[in-house]
Amino acid sequence: MTEVAGWYAGLTGTLGKLARDMSLLMQSEVGEVSEPRAPGRGGSSTMPHKRNPVLCAAILSAANRVPALMSGLYAGMVQEHERALGGWQAEWQSLPQLIVLSGASLAQSTELVEGLEVHEAAMQHNLALTQGLIMAEAVTLALADKLGRQQAHHHIEQCCHRALETQQSLLSVLCADALIACHLSRSALETLLDPANATGSSSRFIQQVLAAARKL
């Protein structure tokens, strides 16, 4: 009983995590994604410009309720004899509610993902806010091959502090640094500081997910 319920609870929690991340990305200060549009959905009675993440709200509401239902099912494991009075009757309430919440979360998540609006320009803007500092580790790793990891880390850290203090881009500071100029060209630094080159194995994972979806 709890193994079945746990699977549904895990699914709902996973979808809740998706909804939480999406809702944060929808904040005005971030604005990297938006829920799909629909007439009358997500508006405000007082603020015409507002667009509330109502799909995320529904998913998160379900995800918040599921743990309490799971705790009731776990408590029902400790019963007298085969099935005791009160324990299994509680399961009649908890398990159906849990599965309904899980199914509703899945339906809302499907609509959310299929109609999700991605704002690439906002993503690029946010990535550029630190003027290259978020990619400092990539430069450290490249320089570590020449100087050793500890020395490379310390030197790049000092460059980052200098960039912040002088309000320059990290690229400008690195290009003006004599030690780095001995080992890394400007074009190499530009490549290392480009977030588009730091996606790792994401493309492979995406293709795996799409291939699995095609089989459904």
C-alpha atoms as a PDB file:
ATOM      1  CA  MET A   1       0.000   0.000   0.000  1.00  0.00           C
ATOM      2  CA  THR A   2       2.693   2.476   0.988  1.00  0.00           C
ATOM      3  CA  GLU A   3       4.872   1.506  -1.973  1.00  0.00           C
ATOM      4  CA  VAL A   4       2.084   2.421  -4.390  1.00  0.00           C
ATOM      5  CA  ALA A   5       1.277   5.599  -2.486  1.00  0.00           C
ATOM      6  CA  GLY A   6       4.956   6.499  -2.295  1.00  0.00           C
ATOM      7  CA  TRP A   7       5.285   6.321  -6.069  1.00  0.00           C
ATOM      8  CA  TYR A   8       2.426   8.776  -6.523  1.00  0.00           C
ATOM      9  CA  ALA A   9       3.795  10.997  -3.762  1.00  0.00           C
ATOM     10  CA  GLY A  10       7.217  11.006  -5.434  1.00  0.00           C
ATOM     11  CA  LEU A  11       5.657  11.959  -8.761  1.00  0.00           C
ATOM     12  CA  THR A  12       3.693  14.791  -7.167  1.00  0.00           C
ATOM     13  CA  GLY A  13       6.785  16.045  -5.366  1.00  0.00           C
ATOM     14  CA  THR A  14       8.753  16.024  -8.610  1.00  0.00           C
ATOM     15  CA  LEU A  15       6.026  18.018 -10.342  1.00  0.00           C
ATOM     16  CA  GLY A  16       5.928  20.363  -7.352  1.00  0.00           C
ATOM     17  CA  LYS A  17       9.635  21.019  -7.791  1.00  0.00           C
ATOM     18  CA  LEU A  18       9.012  21.795 -11.469  1.00  0.00           C
ATOM     19  CA  ALA A  19       6.216  24.199 -10.568  1.00  0.00           C
ATOM     20  CA  ARG A  20       8.300  25.893  -7.888  1.00  0.00           C
ATOM     21  CA  ASP A  21      11.156  26.547 -10.306  1.00  0.00           C
ATOM     22  CA  MET A  22       8.795  27.766 -13.018  1.00  0.00           C
ATOM     23  CA  SER A  23       7.000  30.142 -10.647  1.00  0.00           C
ATOM     24  CA  LEU A  24      10.321  31.650  -9.580  1.00  0.00           C
ATOM     25  CA  LEU A  25      11.367  32.092 -13.201  1.00  0.00           C
ATOM     26  CA  MET A  26       8.069  33.906 -13.835  1.00  0.00           C
ATOM     27  CA  GLN A  27       8.759  36.633 -11.278  1.00  0.00           C
ATOM     28  CA  SER A  28       8.858  40.138 -12.723  1.00  0.00           C
ATOM     29  CA  GLU A  29      12.489  40.567 -11.702  1.00  0.00           C
ATOM     30  CA  VAL A  30      13.456  37.397 -13.596  1.00  0.00           C
ATOM     31  CA  GLY A  31      10.897  37.017 -16.383  1.00  0.00           C
ATOM     32  CA  GLU A  32      12.549  34.084 -18.141  1.00  0.00           C
ATOM     33  CA  VAL A  33       9.387  32.037 -18.726  1.00  0.00           C
ATOM     34  CA  SER A  34       5.609  32.487 -18.655  1.00  0.00           C
ATOM     35  CA  GLU A  35       2.706  30.119 -18.266  1.00  0.00           C
ATOM     36  CA  PRO A  36       0.604  29.491 -21.386  1.00  0.00           C
ATOM     37  CA  ARG A  37      -2.002  32.142 -22.039  1.00  0.00           C
ATOM     38  CA  ALA A  38      -5.714  31.420 -21.746  1.00  0.00           C
ATOM     39  CA  PRO A  39      -8.737  33.756 -21.642  1.00  0.00           C
ATOM     40  CA  GLY A  40      -9.597  34.747 -18.087  1.00  0.00           C
ATOM     41  CA  ARG A  41      -6.716  32.843 -16.538  1.00  0.00           C
ATOM     42  CA  GLY A  42      -4.246  34.369 -14.111  1.00  0.00           C
ATOM     43  CA  GLY A  43      -5.573  37.906 -14.191  1.00  0.00           C
ATOM     44  CA  SER A  44      -6.068  40.235 -11.252  1.00  0.00           C
ATOM     45  CA  SER A  45      -9.239  42.029 -10.210  1.00  0.00           C
ATOM     46  CA  THR A  46      -7.243  45.196  -9.473  1.00  0.00           C
ATOM     47  CA  MET A  47      -4.069  45.028 -11.587  1.00  0.00           C
ATOM     48  CA  PRO A  48      -4.714  44.620 -15.331  1.00  0.00           C
ATOM     49  CA  HIS A  49      -1.062  43.890 -16.095  1.00  0.00           C
ATOM     50  CA  LYS A  50      -0.788  41.001 -13.657  1.00  0.00           C
ATOM     51  CA  ARG A  51      -0.395  37.454 -14.884  1.00  0.00           C
ATOM     52  CA  ASN A  52      -0.477  34.991 -12.010  1.00  0.00           C
ATOM     53  CA  PRO A  53       1.096  31.513 -12.332  1.00  0.00           C
ATOM     54  CA  VAL A  54      -2.156  29.697 -11.630  1.00  0.00           C
ATOM     55  CA  LEU A  55      -1.054  26.333 -13.035  1.00  0.00           C
ATOM     56  CA  CYS A  56       1.969  26.378 -10.762  1.00  0.00           C
ATOM     57  CA  ALA A  57      -0.238  27.353  -7.846  1.00  0.00           C
ATOM     58  CA  ALA A  58      -2.484  24.333  -8.396  1.00  0.00           C
ATOM     59  CA  ILE A  59       0.481  21.954  -8.673  1.00  0.00           C
ATOM     60  CA  LEU A  60       2.145  23.370  -5.577  1.00  0.00           C
ATOM     61  CA  SER A  61      -1.080  23.179  -3.616  1.00  0.00           C
ATOM     62  CA  ALA A  62      -1.300  19.464  -4.374  1.00  0.00           C
ATOM     63  CA  ALA A  63       2.372  18.914  -3.572  1.00  0.00           C
ATOM     64  CA  ASN A  64       1.869  20.578  -0.185  1.00  0.00           C
ATOM     65  CA  ARG A  65      -1.044  18.300   0.721  1.00  0.00           C
ATOM     66  CA  VAL A  66       0.485  14.979  -0.295  1.00  0.00           C
ATOM     67  CA  PRO A  67       3.051  14.621   2.549  1.00  0.00           C
ATOM     68  CA  ALA A  68       0.293  14.767   5.170  1.00  0.00           C
ATOM     69  CA  LEU A  69      -1.634  12.045   3.348  1.00  0.00           C
ATOM     70  CA  MET A  70       1.484   9.916   3.159  1.00  0.00           C
ATOM     71  CA  SER A  71       2.069  10.272   6.880  1.00  0.00           C
ATOM     72  CA  GLY A  72      -1.417   8.875   7.520  1.00  0.00           C
ATOM     73  CA  LEU A  73      -0.683   5.876   5.327  1.00  0.00           C
ATOM     74  CA  TYR A  74       2.607   5.234   7.080  1.00  0.00           C
ATOM     75  CA  ALA A  75       0.878   5.452  10.439  1.00  0.00           C
ATOM     76  CA  GLY A  76      -1.588   2.854   9.177  1.00  0.00           C
ATOM     77  CA  MET A  77       1.223   0.318   8.764  1.00  0.00           C
ATOM     78  CA  VAL A  78       1.283  -0.306  12.526  1.00  0.00           C
ATOM     79  CA  GLN A  79      -2.003  -2.142  13.076  1.00  0.00           C
ATOM     80  CA  GLU A  80      -3.117  -4.935  15.354  1.00  0.00           C
ATOM     81  CA  HIS A  81      -3.256  -8.405  13.787  1.00  0.00           C
ATOM     82  CA  GLU A  82      -4.025  -8.465  10.054  1.00  0.00           C
ATOM     83  CA  ARG A  83      -6.097  -5.292   9.697  1.00  0.00           C
ATOM     84  CA  ALA A  84      -7.234  -3.313  12.719  1.00  0.00           C
ATOM     85  CA  LEU A  85     -10.217  -1.084  13.371  1.00  0.00           C
ATOM     86  CA  GLY A  86      -9.562   2.514  12.277  1.00  0.00           C
ATOM     87  CA  GLY A  87      -6.269   1.918  10.474  1.00  0.00           C
ATOM     88  CA  TRP A  88      -7.440   0.547   7.180  1.00  0.00           C
ATOM     89  CA  GLN A  89     -10.522   2.750   7.158  1.00  0.00           C
ATOM     90  CA  ALA A  90      -8.167   5.744   7.224  1.00  0.00           C
ATOM     91  CA  GLU A  91      -6.471   4.363   4.135  1.00  0.00           C
ATOM     92  CA  TRP A  92      -9.797   4.540   2.286  1.00  0.00           C
ATOM     93  CA  GLN A  93      -9.603   8.332   2.619  1.00  0.00           C
ATOM     94  CA  SER A  94      -5.899   8.962   2.174  1.00  0.00           C
ATOM     95  CA  LEU A  95      -4.964   6.814  -0.830  1.00  0.00           C
ATOM     96  CA  PRO A  96      -7.739   8.004  -3.204  1.00  0.00           C
ATOM     97  CA  GLN A  97      -7.096  11.639  -2.309  1.00  0.00           C
ATOM     98  CA  LEU A  98      -3.380  11.194  -2.895  1.00  0.00           C
ATOM     99  CA  ILE A  99      -3.894   9.620  -6.314  1.00  0.00           C
ATOM    100  CA  VAL A 100      -6.410  12.284  -7.345  1.00  0.00           C
ATOM    101  CA  LEU A 101      -3.976  15.040  -6.341  1.00  0.00           C
ATOM    102  CA  SER A 102      -1.184  13.302  -8.236  1.00  0.00           C
ATOM    103  CA  GLY A 103      -3.300  12.933 -11.369  1.00  0.00           C
ATOM    104  CA  ALA A 104      -4.418  16.557 -11.216  1.00  0.00           C
ATOM    105  CA  SER A 105      -0.805  17.684 -10.801  1.00  0.00           C
ATOM    106  CA  LEU A 106       0.216  15.663 -13.832  1.00  0.00           C
ATOM    107  CA  ALA A 107      -2.571  17.162 -15.954  1.00  0.00           C
ATOM    108  CA  GLN A 108      -1.674  20.707 -14.895  1.00  0.00           C
ATOM    109  CA  SER A 109       2.037  20.064 -15.445  1.00  0.00           C
ATOM    110  CA  THR A 110       1.404  18.710 -18.935  1.00  0.00           C
ATOM    111  CA  GLU A 111      -0.474  21.883 -19.858  1.00  0.00           C
ATOM    112  CA  LEU A 112       2.231  24.011 -18.272  1.00  0.00           C
ATOM    113  CA  VAL A 113       5.099  22.378 -20.144  1.00  0.00           C
ATOM    114  CA  GLU A 114       3.356  22.076 -23.505  1.00  0.00           C
ATOM    115  CA  GLY A 115       2.409  25.764 -23.581  1.00  0.00           C
ATOM    116  CA  LEU A 116       5.370  27.232 -21.711  1.00  0.00           C
ATOM    117  CA  GLU A 117       6.624  30.537 -23.137  1.00  0.00           C
ATOM    118  CA  VAL A 118      10.414  30.877 -22.979  1.00  0.00           C
ATOM    119  CA  HIS A 119      11.898  34.375 -23.067  1.00  0.00           C
ATOM    120  CA  GLU A 120      15.412  33.930 -24.399  1.00  0.00           C
ATOM    121  CA  ALA A 121      16.259  37.633 -24.347  1.00  0.00           C
ATOM    122  CA  ALA A 122      15.503  37.813 -20.621  1.00  0.00           C
ATOM    123  CA  MET A 123      17.669  34.764 -20.020  1.00  0.00           C
ATOM    124  CA  GLN A 124      20.584  36.332 -21.880  1.00  0.00           C
ATOM    125  CA  HIS A 125      20.088  39.592 -19.982  1.00  0.00           C
ATOM    126  CA  ASN A 126      20.137  37.831 -16.612  1.00  0.00           C
ATOM    127  CA  LEU A 127      23.211  35.809 -17.530  1.00  0.00           C
ATOM    128  CA  ALA A 128      25.032  39.033 -18.382  1.00  0.00           C
ATOM    129  CA  LEU A 129      24.228  40.785 -15.100  1.00  0.00           C
ATOM    130  CA  THR A 130      27.482  39.739 -13.433  1.00  0.00           C
ATOM    131  CA  GLN A 131      29.563  40.729 -16.473  1.00  0.00           C
ATOM    132  CA  GLY A 132      31.164  37.325 -16.753  1.00  0.00           C
ATOM    133  CA  LEU A 133      31.689  36.533 -13.070  1.00  0.00           C
ATOM    134  CA  ILE A 134      29.377  33.513 -13.141  1.00  0.00           C
ATOM    135  CA  MET A 135      31.754  31.858 -15.607  1.00  0.00           C
ATOM    136  CA  ALA A 136      34.901  32.467 -13.568  1.00  0.00           C
ATOM    137  CA  GLU A 137      35.194  28.792 -12.690  1.00  0.00           C
ATOM    138  CA  ALA A 138      35.593  27.871 -16.354  1.00  0.00           C
ATOM    139  CA  VAL A 139      38.598  30.177 -16.585  1.00  0.00           C
ATOM    140  CA  THR A 140      39.986  28.736 -13.357  1.00  0.00           C
ATOM    141  CA  LEU A 141      39.828  25.201 -14.732  1.00  0.00           C
ATOM    142  CA  ALA A 142      41.505  26.229 -17.983  1.00  0.00           C
ATOM    143  CA  LEU A 143      44.244  28.076 -16.124  1.00  0.00           C
ATOM    144  CA  ALA A 144      44.694  25.181 -13.696  1.00  0.00           C
ATOM    145  CA  ASP A 145      46.213  23.131 -16.518  1.00  0.00           C
ATOM    146  CA  LYS A 146      48.981  25.730 -16.705  1.00  0.00           C
ATOM    147  CA  LEU A 147      49.487  26.842 -13.094  1.00  0.00           C
ATOM    148  CA  GLY A 148      47.922  24.178 -10.916  1.00  0.00           C
ATOM    149  CA  ARG A 149      44.443  24.348  -9.448  1.00  0.00           C
ATOM    150  CA  GLN A 150      45.243  26.166  -6.199  1.00  0.00           C
ATOM    151  CA  GLN A 151      47.260  28.945  -7.775  1.00  0.00           C
ATOM    152  CA  ALA A 152      44.753  29.321 -10.620  1.00  0.00           C
ATOM    153  CA  HIS A 153      41.857  29.560  -8.184  1.00  0.00           C
ATOM    154  CA  HIS A 154      43.601  32.180  -6.064  1.00  0.00           C
ATOM    155  CA  HIS A 155      44.586  34.284  -9.073  1.00  0.00           C
ATOM    156  CA  ILE A 156      41.140  34.228 -10.686  1.00  0.00           C
ATOM    157  CA  GLU A 157      39.586  35.055  -7.329  1.00  0.00           C
ATOM    158  CA  GLN A 158      41.746  38.170  -7.135  1.00  0.00           C
ATOM    159  CA  CYS A 159      40.714  39.095 -10.671  1.00  0.00           C
ATOM    160  CA  CYS A 160      37.053  38.742  -9.730  1.00  0.00           C
ATOM    161  CA  HIS A 161      37.535  41.053  -6.747  1.00  0.00           C
ATOM    162  CA  ARG A 162      39.265  43.564  -9.004  1.00  0.00           C
ATOM    163  CA  ALA A 163      36.407  43.407 -11.507  1.00  0.00           C
ATOM    164  CA  LEU A 164      33.871  44.118  -8.763  1.00  0.00           C
ATOM    165  CA  GLU A 165      35.893  46.930  -7.234  1.00  0.00           C
ATOM    166  CA  THR A 166      36.484  48.670 -10.560  1.00  0.00           C
ATOM    167  CA  GLN A 167      33.054  47.780 -12.009  1.00  0.00           C
ATOM    168  CA  GLN A 168      34.651  46.298 -15.100  1.00  0.00           C
ATOM    169  CA  SER A 169      33.696  43.149 -16.933  1.00  0.00           C
ATOM    170  CA  LEU A 170      35.678  40.076 -15.964  1.00  0.00           C
ATOM    171  CA  LEU A 171      36.847  39.774 -19.573  1.00  0.00           C
ATOM    172  CA  SER A 172      38.420  43.247 -19.445  1.00  0.00           C
ATOM    173  CA  VAL A 173      40.228  42.473 -16.207  1.00  0.00           C
ATOM    174  CA  LEU A 174      41.484  39.107 -17.435  1.00  0.00           C
ATOM    175  CA  CYS A 175      42.731  40.496 -20.742  1.00  0.00           C
ATOM    176  CA  ALA A 176      44.703  43.169 -18.875  1.00  0.00           C
ATOM    177  CA  ASP A 177      46.299  40.641 -16.516  1.00  0.00           C
ATOM    178  CA  ALA A 178      49.877  39.790 -17.484  1.00  0.00           C
ATOM    179  CA  LEU A 179      49.901  36.282 -16.002  1.00  0.00           C
ATOM    180  CA  ILE A 180      46.715  35.234 -17.754  1.00  0.00           C
ATOM    181  CA  ALA A 181      47.825  36.783 -21.037  1.00  0.00           C
ATOM    182  CA  CYS A 182      50.765  34.368 -21.045  1.00  0.00           C
ATOM    183  CA  HIS A 183      48.463  31.374 -21.119  1.00  0.00           C
ATOM    184  CA  LEU A 184      45.036  32.364 -22.468  1.00  0.00           C
ATOM    185  CA  SER A 185      44.247  34.530 -25.498  1.00  0.00           C
ATOM    186  CA  ARG A 186      41.326  36.922 -25.657  1.00  0.00           C
ATOM    187  CA  SER A 187      39.411  34.595 -27.969  1.00  0.00           C
ATOM    188  CA  ALA A 188      39.974  31.710 -25.567  1.00  0.00           C
ATOM    189  CA  LEU A 189      38.714  33.831 -22.678  1.00  0.00           C
ATOM    190  CA  GLU A 190      35.643  34.896 -24.659  1.00  0.00           C
ATOM    191  CA  THR A 191      34.834  31.240 -25.299  1.00  0.00           C
ATOM    192  CA  LEU A 192      35.316  30.313 -21.647  1.00  0.00           C
ATOM    193  CA  LEU A 193      33.134  33.205 -20.446  1.00  0.00           C
ATOM    194  CA  ASP A 194      30.266  32.433 -22.825  1.00  0.00           C
ATOM    195  CA  PRO A 195      27.467  30.685 -20.849  1.00  0.00           C
ATOM    196  CA  ALA A 196      26.311  29.013 -24.066  1.00  0.00           C
ATOM    197  CA  ASN A 197      29.434  26.864 -23.879  1.00  0.00           C
ATOM    198  CA  ALA A 198      28.641  25.644 -20.363  1.00  0.00           C
ATOM    199  CA  THR A 199      25.567  23.517 -20.962  1.00  0.00           C
ATOM    200  CA  GLY A 200      27.409  20.275 -20.295  1.00  0.00           C
ATOM    201  CA  SER A 201      25.418  17.142 -21.143  1.00  0.00           C
ATOM    202  CA  SER A 202      22.059  18.929 -21.239  1.00  0.00           C
ATOM    203  CA  SER A 203      21.573  18.304 -24.972  1.00  0.00           C
ATOM    204  CA  ARG A 204      22.108  14.589 -24.462  1.00  0.00           C
ATOM    205  CA  PHE A 205      19.596  14.510 -21.601  1.00  0.00           C
ATOM    206  CA  ILE A 206      17.051  16.406 -23.693  1.00  0.00           C
ATOM    207  CA  GLN A 207      17.384  13.944 -26.547  1.00  0.00           C
ATOM    208  CA  GLN A 208      16.960  11.021 -24.144  1.00  0.00           C
ATOM    209  CA  VAL A 209      13.752  12.508 -22.763  1.00  0.00           C
ATOM    210  CA  LEU A 210      12.389  13.236 -26.242  1.00  0.00           C
ATOM    211  CA  ALA A 211      13.238   9.710 -27.413  1.00  0.00           C
ATOM    212  CA  ALA A 212      11.432   8.234 -24.421  1.00  0.00           C
ATOM    213  CA  ALA A 213       8.418  10.464 -25.048  1.00  0.00           C
ATOM    214  CA  ARG A 214       8.161   9.329 -28.661  1.00  0.00           C
ATOM    215  CA  LYS A 215       7.770   5.738 -27.475  1.00  0.00           C
ATOM    216  CA  LEU A 216       4.705   6.565 -25.376  1.00  0.00           C
END
